[in-house]
Protein backbone atom coordinates (compact mmCIF):
# COMPACT_ATOMS: atom_id res chain seq x y z
CA MET A 1 -65.59 -23.64 -13.93
CA ARG A 2 -66.06 -21.25 -16.32
CA ILE A 3 -65.37 -19.02 -13.92
CA THR A 4 -61.90 -19.53 -13.19
CA VAL A 5 -60.80 -20.30 -16.84
CA TRP A 6 -62.45 -17.10 -17.13
CA ARG A 7 -60.16 -15.58 -14.25
CA THR A 8 -57.33 -17.70 -15.42
CA GLY A 9 -57.51 -15.52 -18.89
CA VAL A 10 -57.49 -12.68 -18.09
CA TRP A 11 -54.19 -13.01 -15.68
CA ALA A 12 -52.64 -14.35 -18.77
CA LEU A 13 -53.83 -11.67 -20.41
CA ALA A 14 -52.51 -9.01 -18.37
CA ALA A 15 -48.80 -10.55 -18.20
CA PHE A 16 -49.38 -10.59 -21.85
CA LEU A 17 -49.81 -7.30 -22.03
CA LEU A 18 -47.12 -6.55 -19.41
CA ALA A 19 -44.53 -7.92 -20.69
CA GLY A 20 -45.28 -6.40 -24.59
CA LEU A 21 -45.02 -3.01 -22.87
CA LEU A 22 -41.68 -4.31 -21.02
CA ALA A 23 -40.77 -5.09 -24.37
CA GLY A 24 -41.91 -1.93 -26.05
CA CYS A 25 -39.52 0.23 -23.43
CA GLY A 26 -36.29 -1.77 -23.55
CA GLY A 27 -37.86 -3.53 -20.41
CA GLY A 28 -37.12 -6.57 -19.02
CA GLY A 29 -34.14 -6.96 -19.95
CA GLY A 30 -30.25 -5.98 -17.89
CA GLY A 31 -31.36 -2.69 -18.47
CA GLY A 32 -34.46 -2.69 -16.64
CA GLY A 33 -35.90 0.18 -18.74
CA LYS A 34 -32.11 1.86 -19.37
CA ALA A 35 -30.57 3.28 -22.47
CA LEU A 36 -26.49 2.36 -22.21
CA VAL A 37 -25.55 6.49 -22.67
CA ARG A 38 -21.91 5.62 -22.54
CA ILE A 39 -18.84 3.86 -21.13
CA THR A 40 -15.82 4.59 -19.12
CA VAL A 41 -12.80 2.74 -19.31
CA THR A 42 -10.20 3.17 -16.20
CA PRO A 43 -7.60 3.46 -15.56
CA ALA A 44 -7.53 6.58 -18.37
CA ALA A 45 -3.69 6.17 -19.23
CA PRO A 46 -3.17 2.64 -18.95
CA TYR A 47 0.40 0.83 -19.31
CA ALA A 48 2.17 -2.64 -19.06
CA GLY A 49 5.99 -3.71 -19.50
CA VAL A 50 6.01 -6.59 -21.48
CA GLY A 51 4.90 -9.89 -20.19
CA LEU A 52 2.88 -8.11 -17.49
CA THR A 53 -0.79 -7.09 -17.53
CA GLU A 54 -3.29 -4.43 -16.36
CA GLN A 55 -7.15 -5.01 -15.18
CA LEU A 56 -8.97 -2.77 -17.63
CA VAL A 57 -12.88 -1.81 -16.19
CA ALA A 58 -15.53 -0.22 -17.67
CA THR A 59 -18.30 1.18 -16.36
CA GLY A 60 -21.55 2.11 -18.09
CA THR A 61 -24.10 5.16 -17.53
CA TYR A 62 -27.67 4.83 -18.28
CA SER A 63 -30.39 7.07 -19.20
CA ASP A 64 -31.76 7.35 -15.58
CA ALA A 65 -27.61 8.76 -14.83
CA THR A 66 -26.97 5.60 -12.90
CA THR A 67 -23.72 3.45 -13.84
CA ALA A 68 -22.78 0.11 -13.18
CA ASP A 69 -19.74 -2.24 -13.20
CA VAL A 70 -20.28 -3.67 -17.08
CA SER A 71 -16.33 -5.06 -16.93
CA SER A 72 -17.36 -8.23 -17.81
CA GLN A 73 -20.58 -7.67 -20.93
CA VAL A 74 -18.61 -5.85 -22.97
CA VAL A 75 -16.48 -7.20 -25.68
CA TRP A 76 -12.86 -5.91 -25.48
CA ALA A 77 -10.57 -5.54 -28.62
CA SER A 78 -7.67 -4.48 -29.07
CA ALA A 79 -6.36 -2.68 -32.27
CA ASN A 80 -2.68 -4.31 -32.42
CA LEU A 81 -2.18 -7.39 -30.86
CA SER A 82 1.75 -7.49 -31.74
CA VAL A 83 1.53 -4.59 -29.04
CA ALA A 84 -1.08 -6.13 -26.72
CA THR A 85 -3.46 -8.58 -26.68
CA VAL A 86 -6.90 -8.63 -24.02
CA ASN A 87 -9.28 -11.32 -22.44
CA ALA A 88 -12.26 -10.27 -25.01
CA GLY A 89 -14.85 -11.31 -21.73
CA THR A 90 -12.55 -10.07 -18.69
CA GLY A 91 -10.75 -6.68 -19.96
CA LEU A 92 -7.32 -8.17 -18.70
CA VAL A 93 -4.30 -6.71 -21.25
CA THR A 94 -1.43 -8.46 -22.07
CA GLY A 95 1.92 -6.79 -22.75
CA VAL A 96 3.60 -8.16 -26.23
CA ALA A 97 5.75 -5.44 -27.36
CA LEU A 98 7.39 -2.14 -26.82
CA GLY A 99 4.54 0.44 -28.94
CA THR A 100 0.71 1.77 -28.57
CA THR A 101 -2.06 0.50 -29.09
CA ALA A 102 -5.91 0.79 -28.44
CA ILE A 103 -8.21 -1.16 -26.35
CA THR A 104 -11.90 -1.10 -26.89
CA ALA A 105 -14.60 -1.97 -24.91
CA THR A 106 -17.95 -2.22 -27.25
CA LEU A 107 -21.84 -2.51 -25.46
CA GLU A 108 -25.59 -2.33 -27.39
CA GLY A 109 -23.50 -0.57 -29.52
CA VAL A 110 -21.72 2.18 -27.34
CA ALA A 111 -18.17 1.56 -27.30
CA SER A 112 -15.34 3.52 -26.06
CA SER A 113 -12.04 3.19 -26.00
CA VAL A 114 -8.24 4.38 -24.64
CA SER A 115 -4.63 4.56 -25.55
CA PHE A 116 -2.45 1.14 -23.94
CA VAL A 117 1.30 1.89 -23.65
CA VAL A 118 3.50 -0.71 -23.12
CA THR A 119 6.86 0.31 -21.56
CA ASN A 120 9.86 -0.78 -19.83
CA ASN A 121 9.82 2.20 -17.37
CA PRO A 122 7.42 1.20 -14.47
CA TRP A 123 6.12 4.38 -13.23
CA SER A 124 3.42 6.96 -13.94
CA THR A 125 2.74 9.91 -11.90
CA THR A 126 -0.82 10.29 -10.22
CA GLY A 127 -2.56 12.98 -8.67
CA GLY A 128 -0.52 14.52 -6.12
CA LEU A 129 -0.98 14.99 -2.06
CA GLY A 130 -2.73 18.20 -1.17
CA ALA A 131 0.11 18.22 1.31
CA ALA A 132 4.14 18.26 0.70
CA ARG A 133 4.91 16.25 3.14
CA TYR A 134 8.07 13.48 4.49
CA ALA A 135 8.70 11.10 7.66
CA HIS A 136 4.74 10.41 7.26
CA ALA A 137 2.74 7.22 7.05
CA ALA A 138 0.31 5.24 4.52
CA THR A 139 -1.70 2.75 5.40
CA LEU A 140 -3.89 0.45 3.14
CA LEU A 141 -7.28 0.57 4.69
CA SER A 142 -10.40 -2.46 4.33
CA ASN A 143 -11.47 -0.96 1.36
CA GLY A 144 -8.40 -0.86 -0.63
CA LYS A 145 -8.07 3.09 -0.37
CA VAL A 146 -4.49 4.75 1.01
CA LEU A 147 -4.84 6.96 4.11
CA VAL A 148 -2.12 9.56 4.72
CA THR A 149 -1.09 10.37 7.89
CA GLY A 150 0.80 13.33 9.20
CA GLY A 151 4.36 14.38 8.19
CA LEU A 152 7.18 16.56 8.21
CA GLY A 153 6.01 19.41 5.80
CA VAL A 154 7.62 23.36 4.96
CA SER A 155 6.64 24.66 8.51
CA GLY A 156 6.61 21.81 10.81
CA ALA A 157 4.79 19.03 10.97
CA VAL A 158 1.56 18.12 9.65
CA ALA A 159 -1.99 17.36 10.77
CA VAL A 160 -3.18 16.79 7.46
CA ALA A 161 -5.01 13.70 6.37
CA GLU A 162 -5.82 12.31 3.06
CA LEU A 163 -7.34 9.47 1.02
CA TYR A 164 -5.88 8.10 -2.32
CA ASP A 165 -8.88 6.73 -4.15
CA PRO A 166 -7.18 4.40 -6.63
CA ALA A 167 -10.10 4.28 -8.95
CA THR A 168 -9.54 8.02 -9.42
CA GLY A 169 -6.37 8.18 -8.65
CA ALA A 170 -7.65 11.13 -7.16
CA TRP A 171 -6.56 12.28 -2.95
CA THR A 172 -9.68 13.63 -1.23
CA ALA A 173 -8.59 15.64 2.45
CA VAL A 174 -9.88 13.80 5.09
CA ALA A 175 -10.25 14.37 9.12
CA PRO A 176 -6.75 16.42 10.38
CA LEU A 177 -4.96 14.34 13.26
CA VAL A 178 -5.93 15.89 16.42
CA THR A 179 -2.13 16.09 16.95
CA ALA A 180 0.11 17.20 13.83
CA ARG A 181 3.30 14.62 13.80
CA TYR A 182 6.29 13.09 11.98
CA SER A 183 8.25 9.70 12.15
CA HIS A 184 4.81 7.91 14.30
CA THR A 185 3.30 4.67 13.33
CA ALA A 186 -0.18 4.29 12.12
CA THR A 187 -1.29 0.84 11.85
CA LEU A 188 -4.36 -1.06 10.71
CA LEU A 189 -6.57 -2.64 13.55
CA ALA A 190 -8.44 -6.15 12.77
CA ASN A 191 -11.68 -3.71 12.78
CA GLY A 192 -10.49 -1.18 10.22
CA LYS A 193 -9.88 1.68 12.69
CA VAL A 194 -5.87 3.15 12.29
CA LEU A 195 -4.13 3.47 14.94
CA VAL A 196 -1.30 6.45 14.84
CA ALA A 197 0.95 6.53 17.23
CA GLY A 198 4.12 8.64 19.16
CA GLY A 199 6.17 10.86 17.17
CA THR A 200 7.57 13.72 17.36
CA THR A 201 5.88 17.94 16.84
CA GLY A 202 6.93 20.91 17.43
CA GLY A 203 10.54 19.60 19.06
CA VAL A 204 8.29 17.39 21.38
CA THR A 205 8.17 13.31 21.40
CA LEU A 206 4.66 12.27 22.31
CA ALA A 207 3.67 9.60 23.89
CA GLY A 208 -0.57 10.36 22.77
CA ALA A 209 -1.77 8.00 20.20
CA GLU A 210 -5.41 8.39 18.47
CA LEU A 211 -7.49 6.20 16.41
CA TYR A 212 -9.20 6.54 12.53
CA ASP A 213 -12.40 5.38 11.57
CA PRO A 214 -12.57 5.99 7.84
CA THR A 215 -16.97 4.68 8.52
CA ALA A 216 -17.19 7.88 10.45
CA ASN A 217 -14.31 10.21 9.02
CA THR A 218 -13.66 11.22 12.91
CA TRP A 219 -10.01 10.85 15.14
CA SER A 220 -10.46 9.98 18.79
CA ALA A 221 -8.18 9.81 21.38
CA ALA A 222 -6.31 6.13 22.26
CA GLY A 223 -4.28 6.79 25.52
CA ASN A 224 -1.13 7.45 26.07
CA MET A 225 1.79 4.74 25.55
CA THR A 226 3.00 3.36 29.22
CA SER A 227 6.26 3.19 29.26
CA SER A 228 7.21 6.28 26.97
CA ALA A 229 7.22 9.29 24.43
CA ARG A 230 8.82 7.81 21.47
CA ALA A 231 9.60 8.79 17.76
CA SER A 232 11.20 6.39 14.64
CA HIS A 233 9.90 3.59 16.68
CA THR A 234 8.12 0.43 14.96
CA ALA A 235 4.37 -0.77 15.50
CA THR A 236 3.55 -4.57 14.28
CA ARG A 237 -0.04 -6.05 14.68
CA LEU A 238 -0.10 -9.24 16.07
CA ALA A 239 -1.74 -12.26 15.46
CA SER A 240 -3.85 -11.36 18.45
CA GLY A 241 -4.64 -8.32 16.97
CA LYS A 242 -2.98 -6.14 19.48
CA VAL A 243 -0.17 -3.71 18.34
CA LEU A 244 3.45 -3.97 19.36
CA VAL A 245 5.46 -0.51 20.09
CA ALA A 246 8.86 -1.30 19.84
CA GLY A 247 12.09 0.95 20.67
CA GLY A 248 12.61 4.98 19.65
CA ASN A 249 14.14 7.74 19.82
CA LEU A 250 13.20 9.78 22.80
CA ALA A 251 16.64 12.36 23.19
CA GLY A 252 18.48 8.76 22.87
CA ALA A 253 17.51 5.31 22.14
CA LEU A 254 14.80 3.63 23.83
CA ASN A 255 14.85 -0.83 24.75
CA THR A 256 10.80 -0.13 26.38
CA ALA A 257 7.81 -1.46 24.42
CA ASP A 258 4.30 -1.23 24.58
CA LEU A 259 1.39 -3.34 24.13
CA TYR A 260 -2.28 -1.41 22.49
CA ASP A 261 -5.00 -3.74 23.26
CA PRO A 262 -7.96 -2.34 20.48
CA ALA A 263 -10.44 -4.09 22.31
CA THR A 264 -9.75 -1.97 25.50
CA ASN A 265 -8.32 1.05 23.86
CA SER A 266 -5.64 0.67 26.57
CA TRP A 267 -1.73 0.21 26.89
CA SER A 268 0.50 -2.14 28.49
CA ALA A 269 4.14 -2.68 28.92
CA ALA A 270 5.60 -5.75 26.78
CA GLY A 271 8.89 -6.05 27.94
CA THR A 272 12.33 -4.75 27.78
CA LEU A 273 14.04 -4.92 24.11
CA VAL A 274 17.85 -6.48 24.86
CA THR A 275 19.29 -3.78 22.77
CA ALA A 276 18.34 0.17 22.91
CA ARG A 277 17.38 1.20 19.34
CA TYR A 278 15.53 3.43 16.60
CA ASN A 279 15.48 3.78 13.13
CA HIS A 280 15.43 -0.24 13.13
CA THR A 281 12.86 -2.99 11.33
CA ALA A 282 10.62 -5.03 12.41
CA THR A 283 8.68 -8.43 11.04
CA VAL A 284 6.00 -10.55 12.51
CA LEU A 285 7.41 -14.05 11.56
CA ALA A 286 5.09 -16.90 10.66
CA SER A 287 5.91 -18.18 13.88
CA GLY A 288 3.54 -14.69 15.00
CA LYS A 289 7.14 -13.61 16.90
CA VAL A 290 7.96 -10.50 15.29
CA LEU A 291 12.20 -9.54 14.27
CA VAL A 292 13.62 -6.59 15.31
CA THR A 293 17.09 -6.28 13.30
CA GLY A 294 19.54 -3.46 13.42
CA GLY A 295 18.65 0.58 14.27
CA THR A 296 20.95 2.62 15.87
CA GLY A 297 21.58 3.02 19.34
CA GLY A 298 24.33 5.61 19.25
CA ALA A 299 26.27 3.88 15.99
CA ALA A 300 24.36 1.52 13.72
CA LEU A 301 23.94 -1.39 15.02
CA ALA A 302 23.89 -5.27 14.08
CA ASN A 303 22.49 -7.04 16.18
CA SER A 304 18.84 -8.44 16.47
CA GLU A 305 16.38 -10.15 18.65
CA GLU A 306 13.22 -12.25 18.37
CA TYR A 307 10.25 -10.56 20.68
CA ASP A 308 7.79 -13.53 22.05
CA PRO A 309 3.75 -12.39 22.33
CA THR A 310 3.06 -15.70 24.95
CA ALA A 311 5.73 -14.29 27.21
CA ASN A 312 5.93 -11.15 26.76
CA THR A 313 9.62 -11.66 26.24
CA TRP A 314 12.74 -10.35 24.24
CA SER A 315 15.93 -12.70 23.71
CA ALA A 316 18.83 -12.34 21.24
CA ALA A 317 18.79 -13.79 17.27
CA GLY A 318 21.77 -13.70 15.20
CA GLY A 319 23.78 -10.80 14.76
CA MET A 320 23.62 -9.36 11.28
CA GLY A 321 26.94 -9.41 8.92
CA PHE A 322 26.95 -5.58 8.72
CA ALA A 323 25.82 -2.99 11.38
CA ARG A 324 22.58 -1.03 9.56
CA ALA A 325 20.13 1.73 10.32
CA SER A 326 16.88 2.97 8.30
CA HIS A 327 17.15 -0.43 6.36
CA THR A 328 14.45 -2.54 5.41
CA ALA A 329 13.44 -6.01 6.80
CA THR A 330 11.28 -7.90 4.57
CA LEU A 331 9.04 -11.20 5.30
CA LEU A 332 9.34 -13.43 1.79
CA ALA A 333 7.39 -16.40 1.16
CA SER A 334 9.71 -18.73 2.08
CA GLY A 335 9.11 -17.43 5.87
CA LYS A 336 13.53 -15.85 5.68
CA VAL A 337 13.54 -12.18 6.50
CA LEU A 338 15.58 -9.87 3.72
CA ALA A 339 17.64 -6.80 5.53
CA ALA A 340 18.45 -4.36 2.76
CA GLY A 341 20.35 -1.66 2.59
CA GLY A 342 20.73 1.17 5.24
CA ALA A 343 23.31 3.16 6.75
CA ASN A 344 26.39 3.14 8.29
CA GLY A 345 28.49 6.25 7.87
CA GLY A 346 27.38 6.14 4.76
CA ALA A 347 25.26 3.76 2.56
CA LEU A 348 25.11 0.43 1.92
CA ALA A 349 24.38 -2.15 -0.56
CA SER A 350 24.89 -4.46 1.07
CA ALA A 351 21.71 -7.24 1.50
CA GLU A 352 21.21 -10.36 3.68
CA LEU A 353 18.92 -13.22 4.99
CA TYR A 354 17.56 -14.48 8.08
CA ASP A 355 16.83 -18.09 8.89
CA PRO A 356 13.78 -17.71 11.79
CA GLY A 357 14.68 -21.86 12.24
CA THR A 358 18.26 -21.26 12.86
CA ARG A 359 18.42 -17.71 13.78
CA THR A 360 21.42 -17.07 12.11
CA TRP A 361 22.24 -14.94 8.64
CA SER A 362 23.38 -15.55 5.54
CA THR A 363 24.36 -13.34 2.38
CA THR A 364 22.54 -12.24 -0.65
CA GLY A 365 22.78 -10.34 -3.73
CA SER A 366 24.41 -6.36 -3.32
CA LEU A 367 21.98 -3.69 -4.34
CA ALA A 368 23.00 -2.25 -7.92
CA THR A 369 22.94 1.01 -6.09
CA ALA A 370 23.13 2.03 -1.81
CA ARG A 371 20.46 3.07 0.20
CA SER A 372 18.78 4.50 3.24
CA THR A 373 15.28 5.40 3.79
CA HIS A 374 14.04 3.75 0.93
CA THR A 375 10.83 1.85 0.49
CA ALA A 376 10.69 -2.18 0.42
CA SER A 377 7.19 -3.38 -0.43
CA LEU A 378 6.89 -7.15 -1.40
CA LEU A 379 5.12 -7.58 -4.51
CA GLY A 380 2.21 -10.22 -5.18
CA SER A 381 4.62 -12.66 -7.22
CA GLY A 382 7.14 -12.75 -4.24
CA LYS A 383 9.98 -10.60 -5.72
CA VAL A 384 10.31 -7.14 -3.82
CA LEU A 385 10.78 -3.94 -4.38
CA LEU A 386 12.85 -1.02 -3.29
CA VAL A 387 12.02 2.29 -4.53
CA GLY A 388 14.41 5.97 -3.36
CA GLY A 389 16.08 6.85 -0.64
CA THR A 390 19.42 7.78 -0.20
CA GLY A 391 23.26 6.91 -1.49
CA GLY A 392 25.39 10.26 -1.94
CA ALA A 393 22.36 12.08 -3.05
CA THR A 394 18.02 11.27 -3.31
CA LEU A 395 17.76 8.43 -5.37
CA ALA A 396 14.65 7.60 -8.60
CA SER A 397 15.99 4.64 -9.17
CA ALA A 398 14.09 1.12 -7.91
CA GLU A 399 15.16 -2.12 -9.15
CA VAL A 400 13.56 -5.80 -7.74
CA TYR A 401 14.80 -8.46 -5.62
CA ASP A 402 14.40 -12.59 -7.14
CA PRO A 403 14.56 -14.85 -3.75
CA GLY A 404 14.86 -17.37 -6.27
CA ALA A 405 17.36 -16.05 -7.74
CA GLY A 406 19.14 -13.96 -4.66
CA THR A 407 20.06 -11.56 -7.35
CA TRP A 408 18.47 -7.55 -7.68
CA SER A 409 17.56 -5.99 -10.90
CA ALA A 410 16.89 -2.09 -12.66
CA ALA A 411 12.77 -1.63 -12.07
CA GLY A 412 13.25 2.34 -13.65
CA SER A 413 13.14 5.17 -12.61
CA LEU A 414 11.05 7.43 -10.53
CA THR A 415 9.31 10.76 -12.05
CA ALA A 416 10.78 12.88 -9.02
CA ALA A 417 14.05 11.34 -6.67
CA ARG A 418 12.68 11.07 -2.84
CA ALA A 419 13.60 10.06 0.19
CA SER A 420 11.79 9.18 3.20
CA HIS A 421 8.59 8.06 1.24
CA THR A 422 6.26 5.83 1.38
CA ALA A 423 4.97 2.87 -0.77
CA THR A 424 1.79 1.27 -0.32
CA VAL A 425 0.62 -2.36 -2.34
CA LEU A 426 -2.42 -1.42 -3.85
CA ASN A 427 -4.95 -4.46 -4.12
CA SER A 428 -4.49 -3.99 -7.44
CA GLY A 429 -0.95 -4.82 -7.60
CA LYS A 430 0.59 -1.49 -8.59
CA VAL A 431 2.66 -0.04 -5.88
CA LEU A 432 1.81 3.70 -4.90
CA VAL A 433 5.27 5.85 -4.02
CA ALA A 434 3.82 9.11 -2.08
CA GLY A 435 5.88 12.24 -1.05
CA GLY A 436 9.14 12.53 0.20
CA ASN A 437 12.55 14.68 0.43
CA GLY A 438 14.01 15.84 -2.79
CA VAL A 439 15.37 18.77 -4.32
CA ALA A 440 12.34 20.06 -1.94
CA ILE A 441 9.43 18.38 0.62
CA LEU A 442 7.09 16.92 -2.50
CA ASN A 443 3.24 16.13 -2.96
CA SER A 444 3.80 14.26 -5.71
CA ALA A 445 2.86 10.78 -6.33
CA GLU A 446 3.54 8.33 -8.59
CA LEU A 447 2.37 4.52 -9.76
CA SER A 448 4.18 1.24 -10.58
CA TRP A 449 2.32 -0.80 -13.16
CA ARG A 450 0.84 -4.03 -11.86
CA TRP A 451 4.23 -6.43 -11.40
């Protein structure tokens, strides 16, 4: 018994000494023996509108040069609560009134502040693309970054691909496309890879496709579309994971369609459209069918049609009230589809709604500014943001559609007017607008606030 007691005492003494040692060097707690040296709050220039929110992130740098997200550990505070409030435990800031206030994050005696602006303009500049371009494609990746591919630059088709990191607001060049191209499509697959298909390079329309692997940062061949080379087409990921490519231009409008199967890296025919078209739209409905609207087939088109993936067939749907091409079509939370703007001789201000239940169209509120070659983004609020485009001149304006009221309202002005650009809704709820054609081919990019 004495031996047992003596050994227990030794282990207890050792544990006591170890605990004291850890306590003496700051260990045993959240720091793990490390001292907090610095806190960095991002974004570095945060802003929001009145009644809107912005999530701040605090990153701690420790004495051993490691970093960690300490957003939920710091204490957040606003210097002027009449301008903006902040949740002390999360860093979520809410705009109260126009103005500027300091938001501070404090932990273990270390503090860091950023200037927070409450403004009535939703737009601010972010890092610029390495290559100026328009008629390119932008794809939100599974990791939250944005891949921009191809486009038309000052010297022709662009092969350069770039990644935008929302955390830093910077672009990084990644492996270039095997074939430079513009007026192509880029579709995120279920496996996280990106399928780039068709487009134009050097005056030649392409049938080839390629796959980008974000993990390996490599491109690989994805075969040729079965039916035709094409540009200014649409590409839509179906519920099955396959990608439907429809219509397009090859010395005239096409009525062919192809299916890409990621499982076999192969293409097959997908029936024949009712009407040949390009510069149209394609939208996956709640039923899994695909609605194709408008476009050009010698002249602007008013008709629409649906693709049934189960039957691999196309059928006519109701006609729009206005023929339109280079417009946008957005699936709303109600299951209806909003078609907005476009061109038919000149830019259009009209908008209309498609009801899949009745396969008919009805008018809704008109845009404040007629526009085509713009972008439309479905926001987290269920509203739709239209940005830029052409309406006699290249536009810097933006507007928001409220499905509940059926009306449009102004959404500020971009720093640079642009058309044939891209707009991507980030995981934060902000919208990234990149490139486009304005007074020149643009490499600039802008961010909206969090809607």
